[in-house]
């Protein structure tokens, strides 16, 4: 059984060694798909036995799907990780024990994902652990073609693992807020696409199968996206912080739930409103307004001003 781990990177020297160490003894091969890092990321990857491939950045989905085309033909399973994530020992042990005995009809496996914020593990707010599909059979899965909050898609049956992976980013709050500003632009593109349909709509949204990712995406696209801008951000924060007891996560948790549950989503709504205002004032179409306001070229498939460092450590 050949298991390949794919890690997307750009200037991840602070996290990469920890990530790779968590899958040593589990992975047959580790492939680091790097976006031309300017720090020691490629050297760290090679020193830990990883194969480094490099490719210009468009968005996360495009980068990951390109990396899939670079794998050896005899690959059996693929595990996707972000550089600031690591597998818990319990998850590693479970994968080793279960994977060889899973029948050929199964296309993918879900596991739980938790995250820390400013050194504290977030336990409340109804946010974590979130079930994510990260392990799948080679050639049976790929990333949704989206600008933000993309998931792995498979067509066949899936199973659930009990172990968890941890998202533990060690960067500063200043870095975090700058990065989420870039995320907000890309999420605004996806929300505008729901309304104007200027790109193909690729989604895992589904009420069938009982999968958390499909249900959350369905709620986001069919209910949340139709609520008034601004109001929906406050409603979501109130749900997380008060109804789902996010206040129990302490001072760091309060900062997380406010910034990620309200500020970030209000910023998305403000950017959507700015794009629409530009359309009304100038008479341009939505694609041109997105280019002017968000500096994202959706027609050309790239971002004219976004840094590739904004692509990682997604918390939406």
C-alpha atoms as a PDB file:
ATOM      1  CA  UNK A   1       0.000   0.000   0.000  1.00  0.00           C
ATOM      2  CA  UNK A   2       1.506   3.314  -1.128  1.00  0.00           C
ATOM      3  CA  UNK A   3       0.326   6.442   0.717  1.00  0.00           C
ATOM      4  CA  UNK A   4       1.468   9.856  -0.512  1.00  0.00           C
ATOM      5  CA  UNK A   5       1.111  13.020   1.562  1.00  0.00           C
ATOM      6  CA  UNK A   6       0.718  16.323  -0.312  1.00  0.00           C
ATOM      7  CA  UNK A   7       1.602  19.533   1.541  1.00  0.00           C
ATOM      8  CA  UNK A   8       1.135  22.927  -0.135  1.00  0.00           C
ATOM      9  CA  UNK A   9       3.655  25.525   0.982  1.00  0.00           C
ATOM     10  CA  UNK A  10       4.771  29.121   0.677  1.00  0.00           C
ATOM     11  CA  UNK A  11       7.311  30.352   3.265  1.00  0.00           C
ATOM     12  CA  UNK A  12       6.398  27.695   5.825  1.00  0.00           C
ATOM     13  CA  UNK A  13       9.786  27.237   7.520  1.00  0.00           C
ATOM     14  CA  UNK A  14       8.187  27.735  10.933  1.00  0.00           C
ATOM     15  CA  UNK A  15       5.728  24.826  10.545  1.00  0.00           C
ATOM     16  CA  UNK A  16       6.927  22.375   7.914  1.00  0.00           C
ATOM     17  CA  UNK A  17       9.295  20.188   9.954  1.00  0.00           C
ATOM     18  CA  UNK A  18       6.574  19.551  12.558  1.00  0.00           C
ATOM     19  CA  UNK A  19       4.053  18.666   9.859  1.00  0.00           C
ATOM     20  CA  UNK A  20       6.383  16.212   8.136  1.00  0.00           C
ATOM     21  CA  UNK A  21       7.447  14.636  11.426  1.00  0.00           C
ATOM     22  CA  UNK A  22       3.815  13.814  12.217  1.00  0.00           C
ATOM     23  CA  UNK A  23       3.485  11.569   9.141  1.00  0.00           C
ATOM     24  CA  UNK A  24       6.908   9.911   9.218  1.00  0.00           C
ATOM     25  CA  UNK A  25       6.389   6.174   9.443  1.00  0.00           C
ATOM     26  CA  UNK A  26       2.977   6.503   7.839  1.00  0.00           C
ATOM     27  CA  UNK A  27       3.696   8.045   4.438  1.00  0.00           C
ATOM     28  CA  UNK A  28       5.415   6.184   1.632  1.00  0.00           C
ATOM     29  CA  UNK A  29       6.228   9.542   0.049  1.00  0.00           C
ATOM     30  CA  UNK A  30       5.833  13.173   1.063  1.00  0.00           C
ATOM     31  CA  UNK A  31       5.363  15.674  -1.761  1.00  0.00           C
ATOM     32  CA  UNK A  32       5.768  19.357  -0.941  1.00  0.00           C
ATOM     33  CA  UNK A  33       4.075  21.459  -3.641  1.00  0.00           C
ATOM     34  CA  UNK A  34       5.785  24.792  -3.140  1.00  0.00           C
ATOM     35  CA  UNK A  35       4.865  28.199  -4.572  1.00  0.00           C
ATOM     36  CA  UNK A  36       8.475  29.398  -4.960  1.00  0.00           C
ATOM     37  CA  UNK A  37       9.125  30.104  -1.281  1.00  0.00           C
ATOM     38  CA  UNK A  38      11.727  32.735  -0.484  1.00  0.00           C
ATOM     39  CA  UNK A  39      12.701  31.233   2.878  1.00  0.00           C
ATOM     40  CA  UNK A  40      14.187  27.832   3.765  1.00  0.00           C
ATOM     41  CA  UNK A  41      10.974  25.867   3.146  1.00  0.00           C
ATOM     42  CA  UNK A  42      12.332  23.812   0.180  1.00  0.00           C
ATOM     43  CA  UNK A  43      15.565  23.021   2.040  1.00  0.00           C
ATOM     44  CA  UNK A  44      13.658  21.899   5.149  1.00  0.00           C
ATOM     45  CA  UNK A  45      11.405  19.698   3.019  1.00  0.00           C
ATOM     46  CA  UNK A  46      14.351  17.998   1.309  1.00  0.00           C
ATOM     47  CA  UNK A  47      16.244  17.552   4.575  1.00  0.00           C
ATOM     48  CA  UNK A  48      13.265  15.572   5.878  1.00  0.00           C
ATOM     49  CA  UNK A  49      13.110  13.348   2.809  1.00  0.00           C
ATOM     50  CA  UNK A  50      10.262  15.079   0.978  1.00  0.00           C
ATOM     51  CA  UNK A  51      10.118  15.545  -2.785  1.00  0.00           C
ATOM     52  CA  UNK A  52       9.751  19.218  -3.674  1.00  0.00           C
ATOM     53  CA  UNK A  53       7.821  20.333  -6.741  1.00  0.00           C
ATOM     54  CA  UNK A  54       7.160  23.979  -7.591  1.00  0.00           C
ATOM     55  CA  UNK A  55       4.315  25.640  -9.426  1.00  0.00           C
ATOM     56  CA  UNK A  56       3.038  29.217  -9.806  1.00  0.00           C
ATOM     57  CA  UNK A  57       0.069  30.074  -7.607  1.00  0.00           C
ATOM     58  CA  UNK A  58      -3.495  30.574  -8.852  1.00  0.00           C
ATOM     59  CA  UNK A  59      -5.600  29.374  -5.938  1.00  0.00           C
ATOM     60  CA  UNK A  60      -5.592  26.501  -3.484  1.00  0.00           C
ATOM     61  CA  UNK A  61      -7.792  24.196  -5.538  1.00  0.00           C
ATOM     62  CA  UNK A  62      -5.753  24.659  -8.708  1.00  0.00           C
ATOM     63  CA  UNK A  63      -2.476  24.115  -6.840  1.00  0.00           C
ATOM     64  CA  UNK A  64      -3.650  20.926  -5.150  1.00  0.00           C
ATOM     65  CA  UNK A  65      -5.206  19.448  -8.275  1.00  0.00           C
ATOM     66  CA  UNK A  66      -1.975  20.171 -10.163  1.00  0.00           C
ATOM     67  CA  UNK A  67       0.007  18.400  -7.435  1.00  0.00           C
ATOM     68  CA  UNK A  68      -2.199  15.330  -7.903  1.00  0.00           C
ATOM     69  CA  UNK A  69      -1.004  15.097 -11.512  1.00  0.00           C
ATOM     70  CA  UNK A  70       2.608  14.866 -10.316  1.00  0.00           C
ATOM     71  CA  UNK A  71       2.206  11.699  -8.233  1.00  0.00           C
ATOM     72  CA  UNK A  72       3.603   8.303  -9.136  1.00  0.00           C
ATOM     73  CA  UNK A  73       1.197   6.058 -11.008  1.00  0.00           C
ATOM     74  CA  UNK A  74       1.386   3.323  -8.343  1.00  0.00           C
ATOM     75  CA  UNK A  75       0.079   5.631  -5.594  1.00  0.00           C
ATOM     76  CA  UNK A  76      -2.835   4.031  -3.715  1.00  0.00           C
ATOM     77  CA  UNK A  77      -3.909   6.693  -1.213  1.00  0.00           C
ATOM     78  CA  UNK A  78      -3.423  10.470  -0.928  1.00  0.00           C
ATOM     79  CA  UNK A  79      -3.409  12.456   2.313  1.00  0.00           C
ATOM     80  CA  UNK A  80      -3.741  16.246   2.096  1.00  0.00           C
ATOM     81  CA  UNK A  81      -2.240  18.418   4.816  1.00  0.00           C
ATOM     82  CA  UNK A  82      -1.584  22.100   5.311  1.00  0.00           C
ATOM     83  CA  UNK A  83       1.912  22.917   6.544  1.00  0.00           C
ATOM     84  CA  UNK A  84       0.638  24.291   9.863  1.00  0.00           C
ATOM     85  CA  UNK A  85      -1.295  21.100  10.586  1.00  0.00           C
ATOM     86  CA  UNK A  86      -0.109  17.870  12.133  1.00  0.00           C
ATOM     87  CA  UNK A  87      -1.597  14.435  12.746  1.00  0.00           C
ATOM     88  CA  UNK A  88      -2.101  13.320  16.327  1.00  0.00           C
ATOM     89  CA  UNK A  89      -0.377  10.008  17.226  1.00  0.00           C
ATOM     90  CA  UNK A  90      -3.832   8.478  17.717  1.00  0.00           C
ATOM     91  CA  UNK A  91      -4.822   9.318  14.141  1.00  0.00           C
ATOM     92  CA  UNK A  92      -1.568   7.915  12.765  1.00  0.00           C
ATOM     93  CA  UNK A  93      -2.079   4.659  14.668  1.00  0.00           C
ATOM     94  CA  UNK A  94      -5.676   4.413  13.453  1.00  0.00           C
ATOM     95  CA  UNK A  95      -4.757   4.980   9.801  1.00  0.00           C
ATOM     96  CA  UNK A  96      -2.036   2.335   9.988  1.00  0.00           C
ATOM     97  CA  UNK A  97      -4.437  -0.162  11.514  1.00  0.00           C
ATOM     98  CA  UNK A  98      -7.476   0.456   9.313  1.00  0.00           C
ATOM     99  CA  UNK A  99      -6.230   1.456   5.888  1.00  0.00           C
ATOM    100  CA  UNK A 100      -4.918  -1.975   4.751  1.00  0.00           C
ATOM    101  CA  UNK A 101      -8.317  -3.548   5.500  1.00  0.00           C
ATOM    102  CA  UNK A 102     -10.600  -1.042   3.773  1.00  0.00           C
ATOM    103  CA  UNK A 103     -12.436  -2.500   0.782  1.00  0.00           C
ATOM    104  CA  UNK A 104     -11.980  -1.187  -2.759  1.00  0.00           C
ATOM    105  CA  UNK A 105     -15.472   0.306  -2.787  1.00  0.00           C
ATOM    106  CA  UNK A 106     -14.444   3.031  -0.299  1.00  0.00           C
ATOM    107  CA  UNK A 107     -13.150   6.230  -1.907  1.00  0.00           C
ATOM    108  CA  UNK A 108     -12.269   8.401   1.088  1.00  0.00           C
ATOM    109  CA  UNK A 109     -11.972   8.775   4.848  1.00  0.00           C
ATOM    110  CA  UNK A 110     -13.013  11.656   7.089  1.00  0.00           C
ATOM    111  CA  UNK A 111     -11.245  12.696  10.261  1.00  0.00           C
ATOM    112  CA  UNK A 112     -11.795  15.414  12.840  1.00  0.00           C
ATOM    113  CA  UNK A 113      -9.910  18.722  12.595  1.00  0.00           C
ATOM    114  CA  UNK A 114      -9.362  21.003  15.563  1.00  0.00           C
ATOM    115  CA  UNK A 115      -7.449  24.244  15.716  1.00  0.00           C
ATOM    116  CA  UNK A 116      -5.653  26.465  18.140  1.00  0.00           C
ATOM    117  CA  UNK A 117      -5.723  30.244  18.270  1.00  0.00           C
ATOM    118  CA  UNK A 118      -2.975  32.152  20.056  1.00  0.00           C
ATOM    119  CA  UNK A 119      -1.905  28.961  21.782  1.00  0.00           C
ATOM    120  CA  UNK A 120      -5.351  27.858  22.990  1.00  0.00           C
ATOM    121  CA  UNK A 121      -7.256  24.879  21.619  1.00  0.00           C
ATOM    122  CA  UNK A 122     -10.734  26.026  20.569  1.00  0.00           C
ATOM    123  CA  UNK A 123     -13.314  23.699  22.116  1.00  0.00           C
ATOM    124  CA  UNK A 124     -16.600  25.592  21.996  1.00  0.00           C
ATOM    125  CA  UNK A 125     -18.733  27.591  19.581  1.00  0.00           C
ATOM    126  CA  UNK A 126     -19.925  24.552  17.618  1.00  0.00           C
ATOM    127  CA  UNK A 127     -16.972  24.983  15.263  1.00  0.00           C
ATOM    128  CA  UNK A 128     -14.571  22.146  16.078  1.00  0.00           C
ATOM    129  CA  UNK A 129     -13.928  19.368  15.578  1.00  0.00           C
ATOM    130  CA  UNK A 130     -15.038  19.711  11.988  1.00  0.00           C
ATOM    131  CA  UNK A 131     -15.133  16.540   9.891  1.00  0.00           C
ATOM    132  CA  UNK A 132     -12.895  16.885   6.836  1.00  0.00           C
ATOM    133  CA  UNK A 133     -12.162  14.469   4.008  1.00  0.00           C
ATOM    134  CA  UNK A 134      -8.365  14.447   3.776  1.00  0.00           C
ATOM    135  CA  UNK A 135      -7.516  10.837   2.900  1.00  0.00           C
ATOM    136  CA  UNK A 136      -8.743   9.394  -0.392  1.00  0.00           C
ATOM    137  CA  UNK A 137      -7.902   6.878  -3.083  1.00  0.00           C
ATOM    138  CA  UNK A 138      -5.654   8.212  -5.805  1.00  0.00           C
ATOM    139  CA  UNK A 139      -7.562   9.165  -8.978  1.00  0.00           C
ATOM    140  CA  UNK A 140     -10.903   9.045  -7.137  1.00  0.00           C
ATOM    141  CA  UNK A 141     -10.779  12.478  -5.547  1.00  0.00           C
ATOM    142  CA  UNK A 142      -9.926  16.066  -6.321  1.00  0.00           C
ATOM    143  CA  UNK A 143     -10.387  19.540  -4.877  1.00  0.00           C
ATOM    144  CA  UNK A 144     -13.517  21.593  -5.592  1.00  0.00           C
ATOM    145  CA  UNK A 145     -12.852  24.340  -8.113  1.00  0.00           C
ATOM    146  CA  UNK A 146     -13.524  27.256  -5.765  1.00  0.00           C
ATOM    147  CA  UNK A 147     -11.691  30.391  -4.679  1.00  0.00           C
ATOM    148  CA  UNK A 148     -12.261  29.797  -0.968  1.00  0.00           C
ATOM    149  CA  UNK A 149     -13.254  27.116   1.551  1.00  0.00           C
ATOM    150  CA  UNK A 150     -12.655  24.261  -0.878  1.00  0.00           C
ATOM    151  CA  UNK A 151     -13.104  20.574  -0.007  1.00  0.00           C
ATOM    152  CA  UNK A 152     -11.972  17.267  -1.459  1.00  0.00           C
ATOM    153  CA  UNK A 153     -14.695  15.574  -3.521  1.00  0.00           C
ATOM    154  CA  UNK A 154     -15.112  11.842  -4.091  1.00  0.00           C
ATOM    155  CA  UNK A 155     -17.958  10.032  -5.823  1.00  0.00           C
ATOM    156  CA  UNK A 156     -18.027   6.775  -3.889  1.00  0.00           C
ATOM    157  CA  UNK A 157     -18.620   5.688  -0.276  1.00  0.00           C
ATOM    158  CA  UNK A 158     -16.623   7.164   2.601  1.00  0.00           C
ATOM    159  CA  UNK A 159     -15.794   6.147   6.165  1.00  0.00           C
ATOM    160  CA  UNK A 160     -14.968   8.067   9.331  1.00  0.00           C
ATOM    161  CA  UNK A 161     -11.839   7.912  11.449  1.00  0.00           C
ATOM    162  CA  UNK A 162     -11.971   8.711  15.160  1.00  0.00           C
ATOM    163  CA  UNK A 163      -8.543  10.361  15.354  1.00  0.00           C
ATOM    164  CA  UNK A 164      -7.925  14.042  14.758  1.00  0.00           C
ATOM    165  CA  UNK A 165      -5.502  16.418  13.118  1.00  0.00           C
ATOM    166  CA  UNK A 166      -4.585  19.736  14.695  1.00  0.00           C
ATOM    167  CA  UNK A 167      -4.303  23.109  12.964  1.00  0.00           C
ATOM    168  CA  UNK A 168      -1.786  25.059  15.065  1.00  0.00           C
ATOM    169  CA  UNK A 169      -0.478  28.149  13.307  1.00  0.00           C
ATOM    170  CA  UNK A 170       2.386  29.878  15.116  1.00  0.00           C
ATOM    171  CA  UNK A 171       2.291  33.211  13.268  1.00  0.00           C
ATOM    172  CA  UNK A 172       1.312  36.526  14.869  1.00  0.00           C
ATOM    173  CA  UNK A 173      -2.158  38.038  15.062  1.00  0.00           C
ATOM    174  CA  UNK A 174      -1.013  40.735  12.645  1.00  0.00           C
ATOM    175  CA  UNK A 175      -0.178  38.005  10.113  1.00  0.00           C
ATOM    176  CA  UNK A 176      -3.524  36.302  10.772  1.00  0.00           C
ATOM    177  CA  UNK A 177      -5.615  39.422  10.148  1.00  0.00           C
ATOM    178  CA  UNK A 178      -3.689  40.339   6.989  1.00  0.00           C
ATOM    179  CA  UNK A 179      -4.183  36.831   5.680  1.00  0.00           C
ATOM    180  CA  UNK A 180      -7.910  36.876   6.403  1.00  0.00           C
ATOM    181  CA  UNK A 181      -8.241  40.122   4.506  1.00  0.00           C
ATOM    182  CA  UNK A 182      -7.090  38.173   1.456  1.00  0.00           C
ATOM    183  CA  UNK A 183      -9.435  35.321   2.302  1.00  0.00           C
ATOM    184  CA  UNK A 184     -12.333  37.767   2.482  1.00  0.00           C
ATOM    185  CA  UNK A 185     -11.704  38.896  -1.094  1.00  0.00           C
ATOM    186  CA  UNK A 186     -11.781  35.325  -2.367  1.00  0.00           C
ATOM    187  CA  UNK A 187     -14.868  34.409  -0.362  1.00  0.00           C
ATOM    188  CA  UNK A 188     -16.548  37.514  -1.757  1.00  0.00           C
ATOM    189  CA  UNK A 189     -15.863  36.137  -5.247  1.00  0.00           C
ATOM    190  CA  UNK A 190     -17.645  32.877  -4.376  1.00  0.00           C
ATOM    191  CA  UNK A 191     -20.654  34.722  -2.904  1.00  0.00           C
ATOM    192  CA  UNK A 192     -20.901  36.964  -5.955  1.00  0.00           C
ATOM    193  CA  UNK A 193     -20.696  33.920  -8.197  1.00  0.00           C
ATOM    194  CA  UNK A 194     -23.740  32.438  -6.450  1.00  0.00           C
ATOM    195  CA  UNK A 195     -25.688  35.544  -7.453  1.00  0.00           C
ATOM    196  CA  UNK A 196     -24.268  36.330 -10.913  1.00  0.00           C
ATOM    197  CA  UNK A 197     -23.037  32.935 -12.162  1.00  0.00           C
ATOM    198  CA  UNK A 198     -19.925  34.164 -13.967  1.00  0.00           C
ATOM    199  CA  UNK A 199     -17.963  30.950 -13.202  1.00  0.00           C
ATOM    200  CA  UNK A 200     -18.885  27.258 -13.062  1.00  0.00           C
ATOM    201  CA  UNK A 201     -20.321  26.442  -9.637  1.00  0.00           C
ATOM    202  CA  UNK A 202     -18.483  23.514  -8.058  1.00  0.00           C
ATOM    203  CA  UNK A 203     -19.802  22.471  -4.640  1.00  0.00           C
ATOM    204  CA  UNK A 204     -20.109  19.612  -2.156  1.00  0.00           C
ATOM    205  CA  UNK A 205     -23.405  21.050  -0.848  1.00  0.00           C
ATOM    206  CA  UNK A 206     -25.831  18.231  -0.086  1.00  0.00           C
ATOM    207  CA  UNK A 207     -28.479  17.284   2.460  1.00  0.00           C
ATOM    208  CA  UNK A 208     -28.023  13.620   1.625  1.00  0.00           C
ATOM    209  CA  UNK A 209     -25.508  11.308   3.223  1.00  0.00           C
ATOM    210  CA  UNK A 210     -25.374  13.180   6.540  1.00  0.00           C
ATOM    211  CA  UNK A 211     -21.884  14.562   5.923  1.00  0.00           C
ATOM    212  CA  UNK A 212     -20.954  17.665   7.883  1.00  0.00           C
ATOM    213  CA  UNK A 213     -19.135  19.375   4.998  1.00  0.00           C
ATOM    214  CA  UNK A 214     -22.057  18.918   2.612  1.00  0.00           C
ATOM    215  CA  UNK A 215     -24.620  20.115   5.166  1.00  0.00           C
ATOM    216  CA  UNK A 216     -22.579  23.177   6.145  1.00  0.00           C
ATOM    217  CA  UNK A 217     -22.042  24.137   2.519  1.00  0.00           C
ATOM    218  CA  UNK A 218     -25.781  23.697   1.780  1.00  0.00           C
ATOM    219  CA  UNK A 219     -26.677  25.967   4.718  1.00  0.00           C
ATOM    220  CA  UNK A 220     -24.081  28.521   3.633  1.00  0.00           C
ATOM    221  CA  UNK A 221     -25.238  28.640   0.011  1.00  0.00           C
ATOM    222  CA  UNK A 222     -28.999  28.206   0.436  1.00  0.00           C
ATOM    223  CA  UNK A 223     -29.648  30.108   3.679  1.00  0.00           C
ATOM    224  CA  UNK A 224     -26.680  32.194   4.901  1.00  0.00           C
ATOM    225  CA  UNK A 225     -25.932  33.654   1.449  1.00  0.00           C
ATOM    226  CA  UNK A 226     -29.550  34.839   1.113  1.00  0.00           C
ATOM    227  CA  UNK A 227     -29.602  36.763   4.399  1.00  0.00           C
ATOM    228  CA  UNK A 228     -28.908  40.526   4.397  1.00  0.00           C
ATOM    229  CA  UNK A 229     -25.223  41.404   4.342  1.00  0.00           C
ATOM    230  CA  UNK A 230     -23.852  42.437   7.738  1.00  0.00           C
ATOM    231  CA  UNK A 231     -26.864  41.056   9.598  1.00  0.00           C
ATOM    232  CA  UNK A 232     -25.836  37.498   8.725  1.00  0.00           C
ATOM    233  CA  UNK A 233     -22.352  38.084  10.148  1.00  0.00           C
ATOM    234  CA  UNK A 234     -23.759  39.271  13.483  1.00  0.00           C
ATOM    235  CA  UNK A 235     -26.292  36.410  13.574  1.00  0.00           C
ATOM    236  CA  UNK A 236     -23.554  33.829  12.999  1.00  0.00           C
ATOM    237  CA  UNK A 237     -21.346  35.344  15.715  1.00  0.00           C
ATOM    238  CA  UNK A 238     -24.240  35.401  18.197  1.00  0.00           C
ATOM    239  CA  UNK A 239     -24.979  31.752  17.421  1.00  0.00           C
ATOM    240  CA  UNK A 240     -21.362  30.738  17.983  1.00  0.00           C
ATOM    241  CA  UNK A 241     -20.463  32.908  20.933  1.00  0.00           C
ATOM    242  CA  UNK A 242     -23.685  32.838  22.940  1.00  0.00           C
ATOM    243  CA  UNK A 243     -25.855  29.898  21.887  1.00  0.00           C
ATOM    244  CA  UNK A 244     -22.945  27.495  21.299  1.00  0.00           C
ATOM    245  CA  UNK A 245     -21.030  28.784  24.345  1.00  0.00           C
ATOM    246  CA  UNK A 246     -18.000  30.179  22.548  1.00  0.00           C
ATOM    247  CA  UNK A 247     -17.415  32.496  25.525  1.00  0.00           C
ATOM    248  CA  UNK A 248     -16.176  29.440  27.461  1.00  0.00           C
ATOM    249  CA  UNK A 249     -13.005  29.415  25.342  1.00  0.00           C
ATOM    250  CA  UNK A 250     -11.536  32.235  27.416  1.00  0.00           C
ATOM    251  CA  UNK A 251      -9.775  35.399  26.267  1.00  0.00           C
ATOM    252  CA  UNK A 252      -8.089  33.841  23.232  1.00  0.00           C
ATOM    253  CA  UNK A 253     -11.349  32.140  22.310  1.00  0.00           C
ATOM    254  CA  UNK A 254     -13.252  35.423  22.509  1.00  0.00           C
ATOM    255  CA  UNK A 255     -10.761  36.990  20.114  1.00  0.00           C
ATOM    256  CA  UNK A 256     -11.074  34.014  17.763  1.00  0.00           C
ATOM    257  CA  UNK A 257     -14.870  33.857  17.722  1.00  0.00           C
ATOM    258  CA  UNK A 258     -15.176  37.624  17.242  1.00  0.00           C
ATOM    259  CA  UNK A 259     -12.503  37.933  14.556  1.00  0.00           C
ATOM    260  CA  UNK A 260     -13.279  34.756  12.617  1.00  0.00           C
ATOM    261  CA  UNK A 261     -17.005  34.545  13.382  1.00  0.00           C
ATOM    262  CA  UNK A 262     -17.947  38.228  12.961  1.00  0.00           C
ATOM    263  CA  UNK A 263     -15.171  40.561  11.730  1.00  0.00           C
ATOM    264  CA  UNK A 264     -14.084  38.293   8.899  1.00  0.00           C
ATOM    265  CA  UNK A 265     -17.625  37.638   7.660  1.00  0.00           C
ATOM    266  CA  UNK A 266     -18.607  41.300   7.973  1.00  0.00           C
ATOM    267  CA  UNK A 267     -15.529  42.152   5.898  1.00  0.00           C
ATOM    268  CA  UNK A 268     -16.679  39.685   3.220  1.00  0.00           C
ATOM    269  CA  UNK A 269     -20.085  41.356   3.133  1.00  0.00           C
ATOM    270  CA  UNK A 270     -18.523  44.823   2.913  1.00  0.00           C
ATOM    271  CA  UNK A 271     -16.408  43.715  -0.044  1.00  0.00           C
ATOM    272  CA  UNK A 272     -19.439  42.238  -1.802  1.00  0.00           C
ATOM    273  CA  UNK A 273     -21.254  45.542  -1.303  1.00  0.00           C
ATOM    274  CA  UNK A 274     -18.274  47.484  -2.667  1.00  0.00           C
ATOM    275  CA  UNK A 275     -18.193  45.360  -5.824  1.00  0.00           C
ATOM    276  CA  UNK A 276     -21.921  45.929  -6.400  1.00  0.00           C
ATOM    277  CA  UNK A 277     -21.524  49.652  -5.788  1.00  0.00           C
ATOM    278  CA  UNK A 278     -18.738  49.794  -8.367  1.00  0.00           C
ATOM    279  CA  UNK A 279     -20.974  48.002 -10.869  1.00  0.00           C
ATOM    280  CA  UNK A 280     -23.773  50.510 -10.283  1.00  0.00           C
ATOM    281  CA  UNK A 281     -21.535  53.592 -10.397  1.00  0.00           C
ATOM    282  CA  UNK A 282     -19.426  52.658 -13.431  1.00  0.00           C
ATOM    283  CA  UNK A 283     -21.790  50.421 -15.395  1.00  0.00           C
ATOM    284  CA  UNK A 284     -19.180  47.643 -15.633  1.00  0.00           C
ATOM    285  CA  UNK A 285     -20.014  43.963 -15.255  1.00  0.00           C
ATOM    286  CA  UNK A 286     -19.284  41.906 -12.141  1.00  0.00           C
ATOM    287  CA  UNK A 287     -16.053  40.389 -13.487  1.00  0.00           C
ATOM    288  CA  UNK A 288     -14.591  43.816 -14.190  1.00  0.00           C
ATOM    289  CA  UNK A 289     -15.793  45.166 -10.840  1.00  0.00           C
ATOM    290  CA  UNK A 290     -14.103  42.266  -9.048  1.00  0.00           C
ATOM    291  CA  UNK A 291     -10.882  43.044 -10.880  1.00  0.00           C
ATOM    292  CA  UNK A 292     -11.039  46.729  -9.917  1.00  0.00           C
ATOM    293  CA  UNK A 293     -12.117  46.335  -6.311  1.00  0.00           C
ATOM    294  CA  UNK A 294     -10.713  42.983  -5.170  1.00  0.00           C
ATOM    295  CA  UNK A 295      -7.756  42.869  -7.601  1.00  0.00           C
ATOM    296  CA  UNK A 296      -8.694  39.328  -8.602  1.00  0.00           C
ATOM    297  CA  UNK A 297      -8.821  38.378 -12.266  1.00  0.00           C
ATOM    298  CA  UNK A 298     -11.511  35.691 -12.316  1.00  0.00           C
ATOM    299  CA  UNK A 299     -11.555  35.712 -16.117  1.00  0.00           C
ATOM    300  CA  UNK A 300      -7.853  34.896 -16.269  1.00  0.00           C
ATOM    301  CA  UNK A 301      -7.968  32.492 -13.322  1.00  0.00           C
ATOM    302  CA  UNK A 302      -5.490  34.406 -11.186  1.00  0.00           C
ATOM    303  CA  UNK A 303      -5.189  37.049  -8.520  1.00  0.00           C
ATOM    304  CA  UNK A 304      -3.368  40.161  -9.628  1.00  0.00           C
ATOM    305  CA  UNK A 305      -2.414  41.339  -6.163  1.00  0.00           C
ATOM    306  CA  UNK A 306      -2.991  38.497  -3.714  1.00  0.00           C
ATOM    307  CA  UNK A 307       0.058  36.937  -2.103  1.00  0.00           C
ATOM    308  CA  UNK A 308       0.365  33.142  -2.189  1.00  0.00           C
ATOM    309  CA  UNK A 309       0.914  33.274   1.570  1.00  0.00           C
ATOM    310  CA  UNK A 310      -2.789  34.106   1.882  1.00  0.00           C
ATOM    311  CA  UNK A 311      -3.640  30.643   0.605  1.00  0.00           C
ATOM    312  CA  UNK A 312      -2.806  28.642   3.689  1.00  0.00           C
ATOM    313  CA  UNK A 313      -4.141  28.068   7.216  1.00  0.00           C
ATOM    314  CA  UNK A 314      -7.777  28.406   6.222  1.00  0.00           C
ATOM    315  CA  UNK A 315     -10.122  28.704   9.171  1.00  0.00           C
ATOM    316  CA  UNK A 316     -13.450  29.379   7.467  1.00  0.00           C
END
